[in-house]
Amino acid sequence: MTIRDVILQIAQIATTLALAPLLQGVILQFEERVQRGQGPGIFQPYRDLWKLFHKQIVVPQTASWLYWVAPFVAFATTMTVPILIPVLTNYPLPLSDMGDILGGGLILTLGSFMITLAGLDTRSAYGGIGSSRSVMVAILAEPTLILVFVGITLLAKAMLPFVVNHLLVAEPSVYWGPTHLFLVAAFFVLLLVETDRLPIHSSTHIEIYMIEEARILEYSGPMLAILKWASMMKQFVLYTIFCNVLLFPWGLSYAGTAIGIVGSIMALMLKFLLVACLVVVVETVQSRLRFFRYQEPLAASFMLAVLAIVGTQLR
C-alpha cells in the first residue's frame, strides 16, 4: 500500500460525496427541460442540503433510537460502497478486496432496510405507507438484483467488478454478446426502481404515489439532509456500477496519475449525462401506472436476468 493508493481511495469517496448532488441536479434539470420547464438549476441540491443543515431538528415523541441511527447507517453504507467499485481507477485499490459486487449490493440494502425500520418506528401513517410499499417493491427488486450479480459473476468467472470491467474491455465479442446485453437491460430496469424513476414513484407529497418521501417524512433539519444526501450517493453508486462496470467500461485511469484521475472524472460525468438523458426520456414517455402494476417492469427485469444466466451456460 502506497500513499498514492490511499489518496486515490479517499478521492473515490470524496468524488461520490461531492458529485452525487450534482448528478441529482442534472437529472432534475433534464426532467424540466423535457417537460418544457426552466427548472431550479443543477446546483439546487447543494443549496437544499445547506439549508437543511442549518435548520432545527424536530423529533416525533414516538421515535426510538432507530430514528436516530437510521440516517447515519444509510449514509455510512452508501459511503462504503465506492471503496469496493471502480469509480476512478480500473484496478483495485488497497481496501477494494473487502467485498465483492454482491457484498456491495448487500451493504446498500442494509441502509435501505434501516430507513424502512425508521419509517415504521415513528408510528406515522405516512411512514407506514412508505415502508410497506418499499418492502413490496423490494420483494421483487432484491432477488432480481441478486440474479443480475450472479449473471455478472458467471459471465466473468469472478465476483470482483474490476474483473468484469477488464473482460468487457478486452473482449468485444463478450461485450456485444446477448448475455451481456440482457444484463445491461435488466440492471437498467433496476436502476429505475432503485432511484425512484418508475412511473409509480413520485418525489412530491402526493399520498397515492409516495414511497421514498413517505419513509422519511418525519425527519427534518440535518437528519433529513443526511438522508437526502445518502439517497443521492446511492443513486451515484448505482450509476457508477452501471456505467463503469457494465455499459461503458472505458475511460478509467490505468496508472492513477493526476491527469488520469481528472480524465476519469470528466469521463464519468459524460457517461452519467448519457444515462441520465435515457432515464429521463424513459420516465417521461411512460404513462403514470397504478401502484399494483409495479411488478410488471420488475418481472421483465427478472426474466432478462434469467435469460442472461442461461446464456452464460450456453457459451
Protein backbone atom coordinates (compact mmCIF):
# COMPACT_ATOMS: atom_id res chain seq x y z
CA MET A 1 0.00 0.00 0.00
CA THR A 2 1.43 3.34 -1.09
CA ILE A 3 0.48 6.89 -0.17
CA ARG A 4 -0.85 7.40 -3.69
CA ASP A 5 -3.18 4.41 -3.32
CA VAL A 6 -4.52 5.80 -0.05
CA ILE A 7 -5.09 9.20 -1.69
CA LEU A 8 -6.89 7.55 -4.61
CA GLN A 9 -9.07 5.58 -2.19
CA ILE A 10 -10.04 8.80 -0.43
CA ALA A 11 -10.55 10.51 -3.81
CA GLN A 12 -13.14 7.90 -4.82
CA ILE A 13 -15.15 8.55 -1.66
CA ALA A 14 -14.74 12.31 -2.00
CA THR A 15 -15.89 12.19 -5.63
CA THR A 16 -19.04 10.35 -4.58
CA LEU A 17 -19.75 12.79 -1.76
CA ALA A 18 -19.13 15.88 -3.88
CA LEU A 19 -20.73 14.93 -7.19
CA ALA A 20 -23.80 12.99 -6.01
CA PRO A 21 -25.90 16.18 -5.52
CA LEU A 22 -24.72 17.45 -8.93
CA LEU A 23 -25.99 14.27 -10.62
CA GLN A 24 -29.35 14.74 -8.90
CA GLY A 25 -29.48 18.35 -10.07
CA VAL A 26 -28.66 17.38 -13.66
CA ILE A 27 -31.41 14.74 -13.71
CA LEU A 28 -33.98 17.18 -12.31
CA GLN A 29 -32.91 19.81 -14.83
CA PHE A 30 -33.28 17.31 -17.68
CA GLU A 31 -36.77 16.46 -16.48
CA GLU A 32 -37.78 20.12 -16.50
CA ARG A 33 -36.33 20.66 -19.97
CA VAL A 34 -38.14 17.62 -21.38
CA GLN A 35 -41.38 18.95 -19.89
CA ARG A 36 -40.62 22.43 -21.32
CA GLY A 37 -39.91 23.99 -17.95
CA GLN A 38 -36.99 26.06 -16.65
CA GLY A 39 -36.07 24.11 -13.54
CA PRO A 40 -34.28 25.32 -10.39
CA GLY A 41 -30.73 24.80 -11.74
CA ILE A 42 -28.29 21.91 -11.46
CA PHE A 43 -26.83 23.22 -8.18
CA GLN A 44 -30.15 23.35 -6.34
CA PRO A 45 -29.49 20.09 -4.38
CA TYR A 46 -26.41 21.71 -2.83
CA ARG A 47 -28.48 24.70 -1.72
CA ASP A 48 -31.17 22.40 -0.34
CA LEU A 49 -28.63 20.45 1.72
CA TRP A 50 -27.06 23.68 3.03
CA LYS A 51 -30.48 24.95 4.05
CA LEU A 52 -31.44 21.70 5.81
CA PHE A 53 -28.15 21.52 7.72
CA HIS A 54 -28.94 24.95 9.19
CA LYS A 55 -32.47 24.11 10.31
CA GLN A 56 -33.72 22.81 13.64
CA ILE A 57 -34.39 19.11 14.25
CA VAL A 58 -37.96 18.24 15.23
CA VAL A 59 -38.26 14.73 16.67
CA PRO A 60 -41.58 12.83 16.96
CA GLN A 61 -42.47 11.84 20.51
CA THR A 62 -42.92 8.22 19.43
CA ALA A 63 -39.41 7.93 17.93
CA SER A 64 -36.92 5.49 19.45
CA TRP A 65 -33.18 5.00 18.93
CA LEU A 66 -33.88 3.63 15.42
CA TYR A 67 -34.98 7.09 14.35
CA TRP A 68 -31.54 8.48 15.24
CA VAL A 69 -29.43 5.58 13.98
CA ALA A 70 -31.04 5.01 10.55
CA PRO A 71 -29.74 8.18 8.79
CA PHE A 72 -26.17 7.56 9.87
CA VAL A 73 -26.28 3.88 8.88
CA ALA A 74 -27.71 4.79 5.47
CA PHE A 75 -25.04 7.45 4.98
CA ALA A 76 -22.20 5.17 6.12
CA THR A 77 -23.27 2.27 3.90
CA THR A 78 -23.51 4.39 0.76
CA MET A 79 -20.12 5.92 1.56
CA THR A 80 -18.58 2.44 1.93
CA VAL A 81 -19.54 1.04 -1.48
CA PRO A 82 -17.30 3.45 -3.50
CA ILE A 83 -14.34 1.75 -1.81
CA LEU A 84 -15.28 -1.56 -3.48
CA ILE A 85 -16.12 -0.47 -7.05
CA PRO A 86 -14.20 1.19 -9.91
CA VAL A 87 -15.07 4.87 -9.60
CA LEU A 88 -11.86 6.46 -10.89
CA THR A 89 -9.35 3.63 -11.47
CA ASN A 90 -9.67 0.39 -13.41
CA TYR A 91 -7.54 -1.51 -10.88
CA PRO A 92 -8.32 -2.45 -7.25
CA LEU A 93 -7.20 -0.07 -4.54
CA PRO A 94 -5.98 -1.26 -1.10
CA LEU A 95 -9.42 -1.68 0.50
CA SER A 96 -11.23 -2.88 -2.62
CA ASP A 97 -10.82 -6.52 -1.60
CA MET A 98 -13.00 -6.03 1.49
CA GLY A 99 -16.02 -7.17 -0.52
CA ASP A 100 -17.19 -8.17 -3.98
CA ILE A 101 -20.06 -6.90 -6.14
CA LEU A 102 -22.63 -8.92 -4.19
CA GLY A 103 -21.29 -7.57 -0.91
CA GLY A 104 -21.71 -4.02 -2.21
CA GLY A 105 -25.34 -4.76 -3.06
CA LEU A 106 -25.96 -6.15 0.42
CA ILE A 107 -24.40 -3.06 2.01
CA LEU A 108 -26.75 -0.78 0.05
CA THR A 109 -29.69 -2.97 1.06
CA LEU A 110 -28.73 -2.59 4.73
CA GLY A 111 -29.08 1.18 4.52
CA SER A 112 -32.50 0.91 2.85
CA PHE A 113 -33.59 -1.63 5.47
CA MET A 114 -32.73 0.75 8.31
CA ILE A 115 -34.69 3.59 6.67
CA THR A 116 -37.67 1.25 6.34
CA LEU A 117 -37.48 0.43 10.05
CA ALA A 118 -37.22 4.14 10.90
CA GLY A 119 -40.34 4.84 8.83
CA LEU A 120 -42.24 2.29 10.91
CA ASP A 121 -40.63 3.38 14.15
CA THR A 122 -42.30 6.81 14.22
CA ARG A 123 -45.77 5.16 14.00
CA SER A 124 -46.79 7.70 11.40
CA ALA A 125 -49.40 6.67 8.84
CA TYR A 126 -47.28 8.03 6.02
CA GLY A 127 -44.15 6.31 7.32
CA GLY A 128 -46.03 3.02 7.44
CA ILE A 129 -47.33 3.52 3.89
CA GLY A 130 -43.86 4.31 2.53
CA SER A 131 -42.16 1.45 4.35
CA SER A 132 -44.77 -1.13 3.34
CA ARG A 133 -44.68 -0.02 -0.30
CA SER A 134 -40.90 -0.05 -0.27
CA VAL A 135 -40.86 -3.63 1.02
CA MET A 136 -43.41 -4.71 -1.60
CA VAL A 137 -41.17 -3.36 -4.36
CA ALA A 138 -38.06 -4.85 -2.74
CA ILE A 139 -39.64 -8.33 -2.71
CA LEU A 140 -39.12 -8.43 -6.48
CA ALA A 141 -36.24 -5.93 -6.84
CA GLU A 142 -33.76 -7.57 -4.47
CA PRO A 143 -33.96 -11.13 -5.93
CA THR A 144 -33.61 -9.63 -9.40
CA LEU A 145 -30.55 -7.66 -8.27
CA ILE A 146 -29.01 -10.85 -6.89
CA LEU A 147 -29.72 -12.67 -10.17
CA VAL A 148 -28.06 -9.84 -12.12
CA PHE A 149 -24.98 -10.11 -9.91
CA VAL A 150 -24.98 -13.90 -10.35
CA GLY A 151 -25.16 -13.42 -14.10
CA ILE A 152 -22.23 -10.98 -13.97
CA THR A 153 -20.28 -13.49 -11.88
CA LEU A 154 -20.93 -16.35 -14.30
CA LEU A 155 -20.03 -14.13 -17.25
CA ALA A 156 -16.67 -13.03 -15.83
CA LYS A 157 -15.99 -16.12 -13.67
CA ALA A 158 -15.36 -13.72 -10.80
CA MET A 159 -17.34 -11.52 -8.41
CA LEU A 160 -14.99 -8.54 -8.46
CA PRO A 161 -16.29 -5.61 -10.55
CA PHE A 162 -12.76 -4.84 -11.78
CA VAL A 163 -12.54 -8.27 -13.43
CA VAL A 164 -15.86 -7.67 -15.21
CA ASN A 165 -14.59 -4.29 -16.40
CA HIS A 166 -11.38 -5.78 -17.79
CA LEU A 167 -13.24 -8.62 -19.51
CA LEU A 168 -15.65 -6.32 -21.34
CA VAL A 169 -12.84 -4.00 -22.44
CA ALA A 170 -10.60 -6.84 -23.63
CA GLU A 171 -13.22 -8.95 -25.44
CA PRO A 172 -15.68 -7.06 -27.68
CA SER A 173 -17.43 -10.35 -28.51
CA VAL A 174 -18.44 -10.67 -24.87
CA TYR A 175 -19.48 -7.01 -24.68
CA TRP A 176 -21.80 -7.32 -27.70
CA GLY A 177 -22.96 -10.81 -26.76
CA PRO A 178 -26.60 -11.45 -25.81
CA THR A 179 -25.69 -12.38 -22.22
CA HIS A 180 -24.11 -9.00 -21.52
CA LEU A 181 -26.91 -7.12 -23.28
CA PHE A 182 -29.53 -8.95 -21.21
CA LEU A 183 -27.64 -7.99 -18.04
CA VAL A 184 -27.47 -4.34 -19.13
CA ALA A 185 -31.21 -4.26 -19.81
CA ALA A 186 -32.04 -5.98 -16.50
CA PHE A 187 -29.81 -3.64 -14.50
CA PHE A 188 -31.28 -0.60 -16.26
CA VAL A 189 -34.76 -1.52 -15.01
CA LEU A 190 -33.33 -1.97 -11.51
CA LEU A 191 -31.67 1.43 -11.85
CA LEU A 192 -35.09 2.97 -12.50
CA VAL A 193 -36.55 1.16 -9.48
CA GLU A 194 -33.76 1.92 -7.01
CA THR A 195 -33.58 5.60 -7.99
CA ASP A 196 -37.37 6.11 -7.82
CA ARG A 197 -37.82 6.62 -11.56
CA LEU A 198 -40.60 4.13 -12.25
CA PRO A 199 -43.98 5.67 -13.18
CA ILE A 200 -45.32 4.53 -9.78
CA HIS A 201 -42.91 6.79 -7.89
CA SER A 202 -43.21 10.45 -7.07
CA SER A 203 -40.86 12.88 -5.36
CA THR A 204 -43.81 15.06 -4.34
CA HIS A 205 -46.00 14.79 -1.25
CA ILE A 206 -48.91 13.09 -3.02
CA GLU A 207 -50.13 10.25 -0.85
CA ILE A 208 -51.14 7.89 -3.66
CA TYR A 209 -47.62 7.91 -5.16
CA MET A 210 -45.33 8.44 -2.17
CA ILE A 211 -42.79 5.74 -1.40
CA GLU A 212 -39.36 7.15 -0.59
CA GLU A 213 -40.72 10.53 0.51
CA ALA A 214 -43.19 8.86 2.87
CA ARG A 215 -40.48 6.85 4.65
CA ILE A 216 -38.55 10.00 5.63
CA LEU A 217 -41.49 12.37 6.07
CA GLU A 218 -40.98 12.61 9.86
CA TYR A 219 -37.35 13.75 9.51
CA SER A 220 -36.26 17.37 9.47
CA GLY A 221 -33.19 19.57 9.58
CA PRO A 222 -29.73 17.95 9.49
CA MET A 223 -31.19 14.45 9.87
CA LEU A 224 -33.24 14.94 6.71
CA ALA A 225 -30.19 16.39 4.95
CA ILE A 226 -28.16 13.27 5.79
CA LEU A 227 -30.91 11.03 4.43
CA LYS A 228 -31.28 13.00 1.21
CA TRP A 229 -27.51 13.11 0.72
CA ALA A 230 -27.34 9.34 1.30
CA SER A 231 -30.08 8.84 -1.30
CA MET A 232 -28.15 10.94 -3.82
CA MET A 233 -24.98 8.96 -3.11
CA LYS A 234 -26.84 5.68 -3.58
CA GLN A 235 -28.00 6.95 -6.97
CA PHE A 236 -24.42 7.94 -7.80
CA VAL A 237 -23.12 4.49 -6.79
CA LEU A 238 -25.73 2.67 -8.89
CA TYR A 239 -24.94 4.87 -11.89
CA THR A 240 -21.23 4.16 -11.36
CA ILE A 241 -21.76 0.39 -11.30
CA PHE A 242 -24.00 0.57 -14.35
CA CYS A 243 -21.61 2.79 -16.35
CA ASN A 244 -18.11 1.74 -15.27
CA VAL A 245 -18.77 -1.99 -14.91
CA LEU A 246 -21.46 -2.81 -17.48
CA LEU A 247 -22.35 -0.16 -20.06
CA PHE A 248 -19.23 1.99 -20.57
CA PRO A 249 -16.26 0.11 -19.04
CA TRP A 250 -13.79 2.53 -20.64
CA GLY A 251 -12.41 5.89 -19.51
CA LEU A 252 -10.93 4.86 -16.16
CA SER A 253 -7.41 5.70 -15.03
CA TYR A 254 -4.83 2.97 -15.69
CA ALA A 255 -1.94 4.48 -13.73
CA GLY A 256 -3.62 6.64 -11.10
CA THR A 257 -1.88 9.85 -12.16
CA ALA A 258 -3.39 13.28 -11.51
CA ILE A 259 -4.18 13.79 -15.20
CA GLY A 260 -5.69 10.32 -15.39
CA ILE A 261 -7.94 10.96 -12.39
CA VAL A 262 -9.16 14.27 -13.83
CA GLY A 263 -9.86 12.49 -17.10
CA SER A 264 -11.72 9.74 -15.26
CA ILE A 265 -13.95 12.28 -13.52
CA MET A 266 -14.73 14.00 -16.81
CA ALA A 267 -15.45 10.66 -18.50
CA LEU A 268 -17.64 9.63 -15.58
CA MET A 269 -19.75 12.77 -15.83
CA LEU A 270 -20.13 12.29 -19.59
CA LYS A 271 -21.34 8.71 -19.04
CA PHE A 272 -23.76 9.94 -16.39
CA LEU A 273 -25.13 12.58 -18.76
CA LEU A 274 -25.89 9.97 -21.40
CA VAL A 275 -27.54 7.57 -18.95
CA ALA A 276 -29.44 10.38 -17.22
CA CYS A 277 -30.85 11.53 -20.57
CA LEU A 278 -32.03 7.99 -21.29
CA VAL A 279 -33.54 7.61 -17.81
CA VAL A 280 -35.42 10.91 -18.07
CA VAL A 281 -36.76 10.07 -21.53
CA VAL A 282 -37.91 6.60 -20.41
CA GLU A 283 -39.51 8.06 -17.28
CA THR A 284 -41.22 10.87 -19.15
CA VAL A 285 -42.69 8.93 -22.08
CA GLN A 286 -44.33 6.37 -19.79
CA SER A 287 -47.85 6.94 -18.55
CA ARG A 288 -48.42 7.01 -14.80
CA LEU A 289 -49.16 3.48 -13.56
CA ARG A 290 -51.23 2.37 -10.63
CA PHE A 291 -49.12 1.07 -7.79
CA PHE A 292 -50.26 -2.55 -8.09
CA ARG A 293 -48.64 -2.68 -11.56
CA TYR A 294 -45.15 -2.16 -10.13
CA GLN A 295 -44.40 -5.83 -10.67
CA GLU A 296 -44.56 -5.60 -14.48
CA PRO A 297 -41.17 -3.92 -15.14
CA LEU A 298 -39.59 -5.90 -12.31
CA ALA A 299 -40.88 -9.16 -13.74
CA ALA A 300 -39.40 -8.19 -17.11
CA SER A 301 -36.08 -7.42 -15.44
CA PHE A 302 -36.20 -10.76 -13.61
CA MET A 303 -36.74 -12.65 -16.88
CA LEU A 304 -33.89 -10.76 -18.56
CA ALA A 305 -31.58 -11.74 -15.69
CA VAL A 306 -32.67 -15.38 -16.00
CA LEU A 307 -32.02 -15.30 -19.76
CA ALA A 308 -28.57 -13.85 -19.09
CA ILE A 309 -27.76 -16.68 -16.66
CA VAL A 310 -28.98 -19.26 -19.18
CA GLY A 311 -26.82 -17.56 -21.81
CA THR A 312 -23.71 -17.91 -19.66
CA GLN A 313 -24.26 -21.68 -19.53
CA LEU A 314 -24.55 -21.89 -23.33
CA ARG A 315 -21.30 -20.05 -24.04
